[in-house]
Amino acid sequence: MRTPFRLLPWPVPARPALAWPALAWPAPVFLGAIAACAVPAMVQAQEAKGVVLTGLDPVQLVAGKEVPGKPALFAEHGKFRYLFATEADKATFLSHPADYSVQNPDWCFFMPKMRALPYLHTVHEGRIFLAGSSSALRMAREIPDRAFKFGQFITGALAAGPTVGILVFPGCQSIDVHGPYDMVVGAHLNVVLVGESAGSISSNSGLTLTPDCTFETCPKLDALVVPGGYVLTREDEDAPLIAWLRARAKDTKHVLSVCNGAFLLALAGSLEGKSVTTTHGLLELLPRMAKTAKVVTDQRVVEDGNLISTGSGTAGIDGALLLLERLAGHGKAQETAAAEEYAWQPGTGYITGAVGARFLNKALMGGIALPPGANAETTEFSGGTHDWTKGWRITGTGLTREAILKACDARLSASWTKVNAGVDAGDSRGHWTFTDERGAAWDATASVTPSAENPSTFSLRLSIKKRS
């Protein structure tokens, strides 16, 4: 579960420029040293090409035979090294490399978005292909015609259909990327991950993401997905990511913002005058970044012109399906949702921003500072649009209900108005009131109950309810 106060972190520090150390060598010596290092580096680069086809002779494979090649008898073509059983086979390969080398060496023949593995090979109609998994390879051997026709169909769909770009950056929210990615790829649309540079980055949960293209090499996009996560702040308005986003958002037919990705679009000036939503914990902050935007708190997905914005988590999947509907039709979106076993019900669904949970989460931001040695376990988190309750089981030696209520009061009174707290009134309850952004009044009650079986265990229950 996300902690709202961590969704807008500190500014991302600028990367330090690389600088060569001052060298006192004479120029000829320095250049000679570079030249001396260059030759072994080139040799290493050549040797780094991996042997493909588990070392089998490709000419013999095309002929229907599995004959091991000799390590000393090789040729390099494209990204791989090929081994041969005889000089004659090597000569045949070099004279017609397109006939004997791996076809489309980067991608699986069956699932064209899956990276191929150089040791999983198959021959079909006199050509060598690679698979991305053992199950794909098994299909190539058991039902080759159907497997290859399916792969050709997907390849054609990717080439002919629209292109969707998904922005990735260090700390981006994993589900905000993978949820929309799987829905759009499931509909056989072309998807590319776009990063500031070509190197792999880590998502907020530690998943490694490798961009397909950079800001400079990104193709023309029909749609752009902007995920949330540890996004930039107001101090980063001039960052390359924001500059690229500002330009692309203007020229892209559809833009999907997921979670607090809306704040990136706000920095780019792309939300002004639009209706928009974001993750529930930041709904009240978004107007500070996009002063003329209309922030919607009671909808899971909001569409305004070319902009689709969503709440967090699975709301991004709903937004991706709406985007898919705009790109490929309602039927295709329905079909994709069904294939993924996702209960897509446009206009409905759980909306955290519309229930009492967000007020509780906001008041509890930073947590309740329990006495040293105390441990808390969440036992309840439920409610509706007009009420919400969170419960904990708290254990610790020497704990008292007065100490627990005092800790609650210290946290809650910072956001709400205290009406009565048990630590003062001599009972086991605390009472507060607050007013939401629409002027509605709410009452809050915290109750502490000791366990009948264990004097070191207490039940803490915090409930809020909107006044009728």
Protein backbone atom coordinates (compact mmCIF):
# COMPACT_ATOMS: atom_id res chain seq x y z
CA MET A 1 0.00 0.00 0.00
CA ARG A 2 1.31 3.44 -0.86
CA THR A 3 2.12 6.01 1.77
CA PRO A 4 0.80 9.30 0.34
CA PHE A 5 3.39 11.49 2.00
CA ARG A 6 6.15 9.68 0.07
CA LEU A 7 4.68 10.21 -3.38
CA LEU A 8 6.19 13.68 -3.78
CA PRO A 9 9.77 13.21 -2.62
CA TRP A 10 12.77 15.37 -2.58
CA PRO A 11 14.14 16.89 -5.78
CA VAL A 12 16.16 14.45 -7.83
CA PRO A 13 19.79 15.60 -7.70
CA ALA A 14 21.38 16.52 -10.98
CA ARG A 15 23.85 14.04 -12.39
CA PRO A 16 27.40 15.35 -11.93
CA ALA A 17 29.26 15.97 -15.15
CA LEU A 18 32.01 13.52 -15.91
CA ALA A 19 35.45 15.10 -15.96
CA TRP A 20 38.79 13.62 -16.94
CA PRO A 21 41.51 14.12 -14.33
CA ALA A 22 44.29 16.46 -15.25
CA LEU A 23 47.08 14.49 -16.90
CA ALA A 24 50.62 15.72 -16.97
CA TRP A 25 51.75 13.26 -19.63
CA PRO A 26 53.06 14.59 -22.95
CA ALA A 27 50.48 14.30 -25.71
CA PRO A 28 52.30 11.54 -27.66
CA VAL A 29 52.62 9.40 -24.53
CA PHE A 30 48.96 9.94 -23.63
CA LEU A 31 47.76 9.09 -27.15
CA GLY A 32 50.06 6.09 -27.25
CA ALA A 33 48.58 4.82 -24.01
CA ILE A 34 45.08 5.12 -25.46
CA ALA A 35 46.19 3.29 -28.60
CA ALA A 36 47.78 0.52 -26.53
CA CYS A 37 44.53 0.03 -24.63
CA ALA A 38 42.36 0.18 -27.73
CA VAL A 39 43.52 -3.08 -29.34
CA PRO A 40 42.75 -5.39 -26.39
CA ALA A 41 39.45 -3.58 -25.88
CA MET A 42 38.47 -4.28 -29.49
CA VAL A 43 39.46 -7.91 -29.15
CA GLN A 44 37.39 -8.23 -25.99
CA ALA A 45 34.39 -6.70 -27.76
CA GLN A 46 34.70 -9.25 -30.56
CA GLU A 47 35.06 -12.15 -28.14
CA ALA A 48 32.00 -10.96 -26.24
CA LYS A 49 29.69 -12.08 -29.06
CA GLY A 50 27.89 -15.11 -27.76
CA VAL A 51 27.76 -18.47 -29.52
CA VAL A 52 24.26 -19.09 -30.83
CA LEU A 53 22.33 -22.33 -31.49
CA THR A 54 24.21 -24.07 -28.65
CA GLY A 55 27.17 -24.33 -31.03
CA LEU A 56 25.35 -26.35 -33.71
CA ASP A 57 26.33 -25.83 -37.34
CA PRO A 58 23.62 -23.55 -38.90
CA VAL A 59 24.09 -24.93 -42.40
CA GLN A 60 23.48 -28.44 -41.13
CA LEU A 61 20.48 -27.23 -39.07
CA VAL A 62 18.80 -25.85 -42.16
CA ALA A 63 19.43 -29.22 -43.81
CA GLY A 64 17.63 -30.93 -40.91
CA LYS A 65 20.68 -32.21 -39.02
CA GLU A 66 22.06 -31.29 -35.61
CA VAL A 67 25.82 -31.32 -36.03
CA PRO A 68 28.09 -29.64 -33.46
CA GLY A 69 30.41 -26.98 -34.82
CA LYS A 70 34.07 -26.57 -33.94
CA PRO A 71 34.99 -23.64 -31.63
CA ALA A 72 37.99 -22.80 -33.81
CA LEU A 73 35.88 -22.76 -36.98
CA PHE A 74 33.54 -19.82 -36.64
CA ALA A 75 32.12 -16.73 -38.30
CA GLU A 76 30.41 -13.72 -36.73
CA HIS A 77 27.30 -12.26 -38.21
CA GLY A 78 25.08 -9.66 -36.58
CA LYS A 79 25.08 -10.14 -32.82
CA PHE A 80 26.15 -13.81 -32.73
CA ARG A 81 29.06 -16.15 -33.34
CA TYR A 82 28.26 -19.23 -35.45
CA LEU A 83 30.29 -22.44 -35.28
CA PHE A 84 30.78 -24.82 -38.22
CA ALA A 85 31.62 -28.48 -38.63
CA THR A 86 33.54 -28.00 -41.88
CA GLU A 87 35.22 -25.27 -43.91
CA ALA A 88 32.68 -25.92 -46.65
CA ASP A 89 29.79 -25.12 -44.32
CA LYS A 90 31.49 -21.93 -43.23
CA ALA A 91 31.99 -20.91 -46.86
CA THR A 92 28.33 -21.64 -47.61
CA PHE A 93 27.25 -19.51 -44.64
CA LEU A 94 29.48 -16.58 -45.62
CA SER A 95 28.22 -16.64 -49.19
CA HIS A 96 24.54 -16.59 -48.14
CA PRO A 97 24.35 -15.36 -44.51
CA ALA A 98 20.71 -14.25 -44.80
CA ASP A 99 19.71 -17.84 -45.55
CA TYR A 100 21.56 -19.48 -42.67
CA SER A 101 21.71 -16.91 -39.87
CA VAL A 102 18.98 -16.44 -37.26
CA GLN A 103 15.96 -14.54 -38.53
CA ASN A 104 14.92 -11.52 -36.44
CA PRO A 105 17.56 -12.40 -33.80
CA ASP A 106 16.33 -10.09 -31.03
CA TRP A 107 12.78 -11.35 -30.68
CA CYS A 108 10.83 -14.55 -30.10
CA PHE A 109 9.18 -15.88 -33.27
CA PHE A 110 5.93 -16.53 -31.35
CA MET A 111 5.67 -13.47 -29.09
CA PRO A 112 7.42 -10.64 -30.94
CA LYS A 113 7.66 -8.47 -27.82
CA MET A 114 9.55 -11.21 -25.92
CA ARG A 115 13.33 -11.21 -26.05
CA ALA A 116 14.76 -14.25 -27.83
CA LEU A 117 17.11 -16.66 -26.08
CA PRO A 118 20.10 -17.71 -28.22
CA TYR A 119 19.99 -21.33 -27.03
CA LEU A 120 16.31 -21.92 -27.93
CA HIS A 121 16.20 -22.46 -31.68
CA THR A 122 13.90 -24.01 -34.23
CA VAL A 123 13.85 -24.35 -38.02
CA HIS A 124 10.74 -23.50 -40.01
CA GLU A 125 10.49 -23.57 -43.79
CA GLY A 126 14.25 -23.59 -44.14
CA ARG A 127 14.92 -20.65 -41.82
CA ILE A 128 16.30 -20.55 -38.28
CA PHE A 129 14.32 -18.76 -35.57
CA LEU A 130 14.77 -18.24 -31.84
CA ALA A 131 12.19 -18.64 -29.09
CA GLY A 132 11.82 -16.60 -25.95
CA SER A 133 10.70 -19.47 -23.72
CA SER A 134 10.68 -23.26 -23.64
CA SER A 135 6.88 -23.31 -24.04
CA ALA A 136 7.12 -21.26 -27.25
CA LEU A 137 9.77 -23.66 -28.52
CA ARG A 138 7.53 -26.62 -27.74
CA MET A 139 4.70 -25.03 -29.73
CA ALA A 140 7.06 -24.55 -32.68
CA ARG A 141 7.78 -28.26 -32.65
CA GLU A 142 4.26 -29.54 -31.95
CA ILE A 143 2.09 -27.12 -33.96
CA PRO A 144 4.58 -25.20 -36.12
CA ASP A 145 2.15 -23.78 -38.68
CA ARG A 146 -0.23 -22.35 -36.08
CA ALA A 147 2.61 -21.05 -33.90
CA PHE A 148 4.36 -19.23 -36.72
CA LYS A 149 1.12 -17.86 -38.19
CA PHE A 150 0.23 -16.43 -34.79
CA GLY A 151 3.64 -14.79 -34.49
CA GLN A 152 3.30 -13.34 -37.99
CA PHE A 153 -0.15 -12.01 -37.10
CA ILE A 154 1.20 -10.27 -33.99
CA THR A 155 4.15 -8.87 -35.92
CA GLY A 156 1.81 -7.45 -38.56
CA ALA A 157 -0.52 -5.97 -35.96
CA LEU A 158 2.38 -4.27 -34.19
CA ALA A 159 3.64 -2.81 -37.45
CA ALA A 160 0.26 -1.56 -38.64
CA GLY A 161 -1.26 -0.38 -35.36
CA PRO A 162 -0.74 2.74 -33.26
CA THR A 163 2.32 3.22 -31.08
CA VAL A 164 1.98 3.86 -27.35
CA GLY A 165 4.90 5.25 -25.37
CA ILE A 166 5.22 4.74 -21.62
CA LEU A 167 7.53 7.12 -19.81
CA VAL A 168 9.89 5.47 -17.32
CA PHE A 169 12.20 7.16 -14.83
CA PRO A 170 14.07 6.16 -11.66
CA GLY A 171 11.51 5.45 -8.95
CA CYS A 172 8.48 5.20 -11.21
CA GLN A 173 5.59 3.18 -9.78
CA SER A 174 5.75 -0.41 -11.05
CA ILE A 175 2.01 -1.02 -11.42
CA ASP A 176 1.56 2.34 -13.17
CA VAL A 177 3.91 1.06 -15.89
CA HIS A 178 3.08 -2.63 -16.04
CA GLY A 179 -0.71 -2.31 -15.68
CA PRO A 180 -1.18 -0.15 -18.80
CA TYR A 181 1.67 -1.98 -20.58
CA ASP A 182 0.03 -5.40 -20.27
CA MET A 183 -3.38 -4.13 -21.35
CA VAL A 184 -2.06 -2.37 -24.44
CA VAL A 185 0.31 -5.19 -25.41
CA GLY A 186 -2.53 -7.65 -24.83
CA ALA A 187 -4.45 -5.85 -27.56
CA HIS A 188 -1.44 -6.30 -29.91
CA LEU A 189 -0.54 -2.63 -30.07
CA ASN A 190 3.06 -1.51 -30.26
CA VAL A 191 4.39 -0.25 -26.93
CA VAL A 192 7.75 1.37 -26.24
CA LEU A 193 9.29 2.34 -22.92
CA VAL A 194 10.79 5.82 -23.16
CA GLY A 195 13.59 6.96 -20.86
CA GLU A 196 15.88 9.95 -20.63
CA SER A 197 18.84 7.68 -21.43
CA ALA A 198 19.36 4.15 -22.71
CA GLY A 199 20.50 2.60 -19.44
CA SER A 200 18.28 0.43 -17.25
CA ILE A 201 16.51 2.09 -14.32
CA SER A 202 14.92 0.77 -11.15
CA SER A 203 11.25 1.24 -10.31
CA ASN A 204 10.16 2.19 -6.80
CA SER A 205 9.73 -1.49 -5.94
CA GLY A 206 13.10 -2.53 -7.37
CA LEU A 207 12.00 -3.91 -10.74
CA THR A 208 14.53 -3.23 -13.49
CA LEU A 209 13.15 -1.44 -16.55
CA THR A 210 15.10 -0.97 -19.76
CA PRO A 211 13.89 1.77 -22.13
CA ASP A 212 13.32 0.84 -25.76
CA CYS A 213 14.23 4.36 -26.81
CA THR A 214 15.39 7.66 -25.39
CA PHE A 215 13.92 11.14 -25.56
CA GLU A 216 16.06 11.76 -28.65
CA THR A 217 15.24 8.50 -30.46
CA CYS A 218 11.56 8.15 -29.47
CA PRO A 219 9.34 7.60 -32.53
CA LYS A 220 6.12 9.49 -33.20
CA LEU A 221 3.57 8.40 -30.63
CA ASP A 222 -0.19 8.02 -30.91
CA ALA A 223 -0.51 7.91 -27.12
CA LEU A 224 1.70 8.62 -24.13
CA VAL A 225 1.37 7.11 -20.65
CA VAL A 226 2.81 9.09 -17.72
CA PRO A 227 3.14 6.93 -14.57
CA GLY A 228 3.47 8.11 -11.00
CA GLY A 229 6.05 7.24 -8.39
CA TYR A 230 8.83 9.37 -6.97
CA VAL A 231 8.20 12.26 -9.33
CA LEU A 232 9.97 15.58 -9.66
CA THR A 233 8.99 18.73 -7.76
CA ARG A 234 8.54 22.42 -8.55
CA GLU A 235 12.31 22.93 -8.47
CA ASP A 236 12.64 20.61 -11.47
CA GLU A 237 10.53 22.56 -13.97
CA ASP A 238 13.52 22.88 -16.29
CA ALA A 239 14.56 19.21 -16.10
CA PRO A 240 15.01 17.42 -19.46
CA LEU A 241 12.13 15.07 -18.59
CA ILE A 242 9.73 17.99 -18.14
CA ALA A 243 10.90 19.72 -21.31
CA TRP A 244 10.41 16.52 -23.32
CA LEU A 245 7.02 15.90 -21.73
CA ARG A 246 5.89 19.45 -22.43
CA ALA A 247 6.66 19.08 -26.14
CA ARG A 248 5.29 15.54 -26.51
CA ALA A 249 2.04 16.18 -24.66
CA LYS A 250 1.20 18.92 -27.14
CA ASP A 251 1.79 16.73 -30.19
CA THR A 252 0.31 13.44 -28.94
CA LYS A 253 -3.29 12.52 -29.68
CA HIS A 254 -3.90 10.85 -26.31
CA VAL A 255 -2.15 11.30 -22.95
CA LEU A 256 -2.81 9.01 -19.98
CA SER A 257 -1.76 10.15 -16.52
CA VAL A 258 -1.67 7.51 -13.77
CA CYS A 259 -1.52 8.27 -10.03
CA ASN A 260 0.71 11.27 -9.28
CA GLY A 261 2.04 11.27 -12.83
CA ALA A 262 -0.42 14.17 -13.01
CA PHE A 263 2.17 16.25 -11.16
CA LEU A 264 4.68 15.74 -13.97
CA LEU A 265 2.09 16.99 -16.45
CA ALA A 266 1.37 19.89 -14.11
CA LEU A 267 5.05 20.85 -14.16
CA ALA A 268 4.89 20.67 -17.95
CA GLY A 269 1.89 23.03 -17.98
CA SER A 270 -0.34 20.39 -19.57
CA LEU A 271 -3.17 20.40 -17.00
CA GLU A 272 -4.21 24.03 -17.09
CA GLY A 273 -7.94 24.43 -17.71
CA LYS A 274 -8.58 20.68 -17.67
CA SER A 275 -10.53 18.36 -15.40
CA VAL A 276 -8.12 15.92 -13.80
CA THR A 277 -7.68 13.47 -10.95
CA THR A 278 -4.73 11.87 -9.19
CA THR A 279 -3.97 9.54 -6.30
CA HIS A 280 -6.28 10.09 -3.33
CA GLY A 281 -3.58 11.25 -0.93
CA LEU A 282 -2.57 14.16 -3.16
CA LEU A 283 -5.91 15.45 -4.41
CA GLU A 284 -5.65 18.56 -2.24
CA LEU A 285 -2.09 19.33 -3.39
CA LEU A 286 -2.67 19.20 -7.14
CA PRO A 287 -4.37 22.63 -7.38
CA ARG A 288 -1.16 24.21 -6.08
CA MET A 289 0.69 22.85 -9.11
CA ALA A 290 -2.04 23.35 -11.73
CA LYS A 291 -3.89 26.46 -10.62
CA THR A 292 -6.58 26.50 -13.33
CA ALA A 293 -7.20 22.74 -13.37
CA LYS A 294 -10.45 21.33 -11.99
CA VAL A 295 -9.48 18.52 -9.61
CA VAL A 296 -12.08 15.73 -9.52
CA THR A 297 -12.22 13.74 -6.26
CA ASP A 298 -15.10 11.32 -6.87
CA GLN A 299 -14.16 9.62 -10.15
CA ARG A 300 -11.74 6.77 -10.78
CA VAL A 301 -11.01 7.89 -14.36
CA VAL A 302 -11.43 11.39 -15.78
CA GLU A 303 -11.30 12.28 -19.47
CA ASP A 304 -11.00 15.84 -20.75
CA GLY A 305 -10.01 16.39 -24.36
CA ASN A 306 -6.84 14.44 -25.13
CA LEU A 307 -6.11 13.86 -21.43
CA ILE A 308 -7.14 10.77 -19.47
CA SER A 309 -6.18 10.85 -15.78
CA THR A 310 -6.70 8.22 -13.11
CA GLY A 311 -6.22 7.48 -9.46
CA SER A 312 -3.52 5.06 -8.36
CA GLY A 313 -2.97 1.32 -8.68
CA THR A 314 -5.62 -0.55 -10.62
CA ALA A 315 -7.27 2.73 -11.63
CA GLY A 316 -4.42 3.02 -14.12
CA ILE A 317 -5.58 -0.25 -15.72
CA ASP A 318 -9.06 1.26 -16.13
CA GLY A 319 -7.47 4.31 -17.72
CA ALA A 320 -5.44 2.11 -20.07
CA LEU A 321 -8.60 0.30 -21.18
CA LEU A 322 -10.28 3.64 -21.90
CA LEU A 323 -7.17 4.64 -23.86
CA LEU A 324 -7.36 1.34 -25.73
CA GLU A 325 -11.02 2.05 -26.50
CA ARG A 326 -10.03 5.38 -28.03
CA LEU A 327 -7.26 3.76 -30.09
CA ALA A 328 -8.88 0.49 -31.18
CA GLY A 329 -12.58 0.60 -30.29
CA HIS A 330 -14.79 -0.41 -27.39
CA GLY A 331 -15.01 -4.04 -28.48
CA LYS A 332 -11.23 -4.45 -28.49
CA ALA A 333 -11.02 -2.93 -24.99
CA GLN A 334 -13.73 -5.30 -23.73
CA GLU A 335 -12.02 -8.28 -25.35
CA THR A 336 -8.66 -7.38 -23.82
CA ALA A 337 -10.13 -6.92 -20.34
CA ALA A 338 -11.86 -10.30 -20.59
CA ALA A 339 -8.67 -12.00 -21.78
CA GLU A 340 -6.84 -10.57 -18.76
CA GLU A 341 -9.74 -11.63 -16.47
CA TYR A 342 -10.20 -8.02 -15.41
CA ALA A 343 -13.71 -6.95 -14.37
CA TRP A 344 -13.78 -3.69 -16.31
CA GLN A 345 -16.87 -1.62 -15.52
CA PRO A 346 -16.40 1.89 -16.91
CA GLY A 347 -17.79 4.60 -14.65
CA THR A 348 -17.84 2.38 -11.57
CA GLY A 349 -15.34 0.76 -9.26
CA TYR A 350 -13.60 1.57 -6.03
CA ILE A 351 -12.69 5.25 -5.68
CA THR A 352 -10.43 5.92 -2.71
CA GLY A 353 -10.75 9.66 -3.22
CA ALA A 354 -14.50 9.42 -2.71
CA VAL A 355 -14.44 7.50 0.57
CA GLY A 356 -13.47 8.40 4.10
CA ALA A 357 -10.17 6.54 3.88
CA ARG A 358 -8.32 9.50 2.44
CA PHE A 359 -9.15 11.71 5.44
CA LEU A 360 -7.93 9.03 7.82
CA ASN A 361 -4.77 8.50 5.79
CA LYS A 362 -4.06 12.23 5.76
CA ALA A 363 -4.48 12.60 9.51
CA LEU A 364 -2.29 9.56 10.18
CA MET A 365 0.45 10.72 7.82
CA GLY A 366 3.74 9.98 9.55
CA GLY A 367 2.18 7.42 11.87
CA ILE A 368 1.24 7.36 15.55
CA ALA A 369 4.31 7.47 17.79
CA LEU A 370 3.61 4.61 20.18
CA PRO A 371 5.67 4.11 23.36
CA PRO A 372 9.08 2.41 22.90
CA GLY A 373 8.84 -1.35 22.47
CA ALA A 374 5.23 -1.31 21.28
CA ASN A 375 4.24 -3.14 18.11
CA ALA A 376 1.12 -2.54 16.01
CA GLU A 377 -0.66 -4.78 13.49
CA THR A 378 -3.51 -3.52 11.29
CA THR A 379 -6.68 -5.57 11.89
CA GLU A 380 -9.29 -3.53 10.01
CA PHE A 381 -9.48 -0.97 7.20
CA SER A 382 -12.98 -0.55 5.81
CA GLY A 383 -15.88 1.82 5.27
CA GLY A 384 -17.70 3.85 2.64
CA THR A 385 -18.24 7.35 1.35
CA HIS A 386 -19.54 8.67 4.67
CA ASP A 387 -17.49 6.67 7.19
CA TRP A 388 -14.26 4.76 7.66
CA THR A 389 -12.61 2.69 10.38
CA LYS A 390 -9.07 1.54 10.95
CA GLY A 391 -8.16 -0.90 13.68
CA TRP A 392 -4.90 -2.15 15.21
CA ARG A 393 -3.80 -4.77 17.66
CA ILE A 394 -1.07 -3.23 19.83
CA THR A 395 1.27 -5.23 22.01
CA GLY A 396 4.09 -4.25 24.35
CA THR A 397 5.32 -4.67 27.89
CA GLY A 398 4.07 -2.01 30.27
CA LEU A 399 1.58 -0.52 27.80
CA THR A 400 -1.45 1.36 29.12
CA ARG A 401 -4.52 2.54 27.29
CA GLU A 402 -3.81 6.06 28.54
CA ALA A 403 -0.40 5.99 26.82
CA ILE A 404 -1.96 4.77 23.58
CA LEU A 405 -4.66 7.46 23.66
CA LYS A 406 -2.06 10.11 24.39
CA ALA A 407 -0.10 9.02 21.32
CA CYS A 408 -3.29 9.18 19.22
CA ASP A 409 -4.07 12.62 20.53
CA ALA A 410 -0.60 13.89 19.69
CA ARG A 411 -1.00 12.78 16.07
CA LEU A 412 -4.67 13.55 15.40
CA SER A 413 -4.85 16.92 17.15
CA ALA A 414 -2.26 18.19 14.66
CA SER A 415 -4.91 17.87 11.89
CA TRP A 416 -8.25 17.79 13.66
CA THR A 417 -9.90 19.75 16.47
CA LYS A 418 -9.93 17.92 19.79
CA VAL A 419 -13.33 17.75 21.45
CA ASN A 420 -12.38 15.35 24.21
CA ALA A 421 -9.50 12.93 24.76
CA GLY A 422 -9.64 10.08 27.22
CA VAL A 423 -6.28 10.97 28.65
CA ASP A 424 -7.91 14.11 30.00
CA ALA A 425 -11.42 12.82 30.66
CA GLY A 426 -10.41 9.63 32.43
CA ASP A 427 -12.06 7.20 29.97
CA SER A 428 -10.79 5.11 27.06
CA ARG A 429 -12.03 7.27 24.18
CA GLY A 430 -10.86 10.33 22.31
CA HIS A 431 -13.06 12.62 20.20
CA TRP A 432 -12.18 15.06 17.40
CA THR A 433 -13.91 16.95 14.59
CA PHE A 434 -12.76 18.21 11.21
CA THR A 435 -14.15 19.82 8.07
CA ASP A 436 -13.38 18.51 4.57
CA GLU A 437 -12.55 20.62 1.50
CA ARG A 438 -16.25 20.89 0.61
CA GLY A 439 -17.21 22.24 4.02
CA ALA A 440 -18.76 19.01 5.33
CA ALA A 441 -18.28 18.27 9.05
CA TRP A 442 -16.91 14.93 10.29
CA ASP A 443 -16.62 13.36 13.73
CA ALA A 444 -13.75 11.10 14.76
CA THR A 445 -13.49 8.70 17.67
CA ALA A 446 -10.56 6.65 18.93
CA SER A 447 -11.26 3.83 21.38
CA VAL A 448 -8.78 1.61 23.24
CA THR A 449 -9.86 -1.76 24.65
CA PRO A 450 -7.57 -4.06 26.68
CA SER A 451 -7.45 -7.75 25.85
CA ALA A 452 -9.17 -10.01 28.38
CA GLU A 453 -6.55 -12.75 27.81
CA ASN A 454 -3.34 -10.72 27.70
CA PRO A 455 -2.76 -7.54 29.73
CA SER A 456 0.01 -6.49 27.29
CA THR A 457 -2.36 -6.43 24.28
CA PHE A 458 -4.81 -3.68 23.35
CA SER A 459 -7.24 -3.03 20.51
CA LEU A 460 -7.16 0.49 19.04
CA ARG A 461 -10.05 1.50 16.78
CA LEU A 462 -10.19 4.86 14.98
CA SER A 463 -13.47 5.72 13.27
CA ILE A 464 -14.64 8.76 11.34
CA LYS A 465 -18.20 9.58 10.28
CA LYS A 466 -19.66 12.37 8.17
CA ARG A 467 -22.44 14.32 9.81
CA SER A 468 -25.82 14.05 8.10
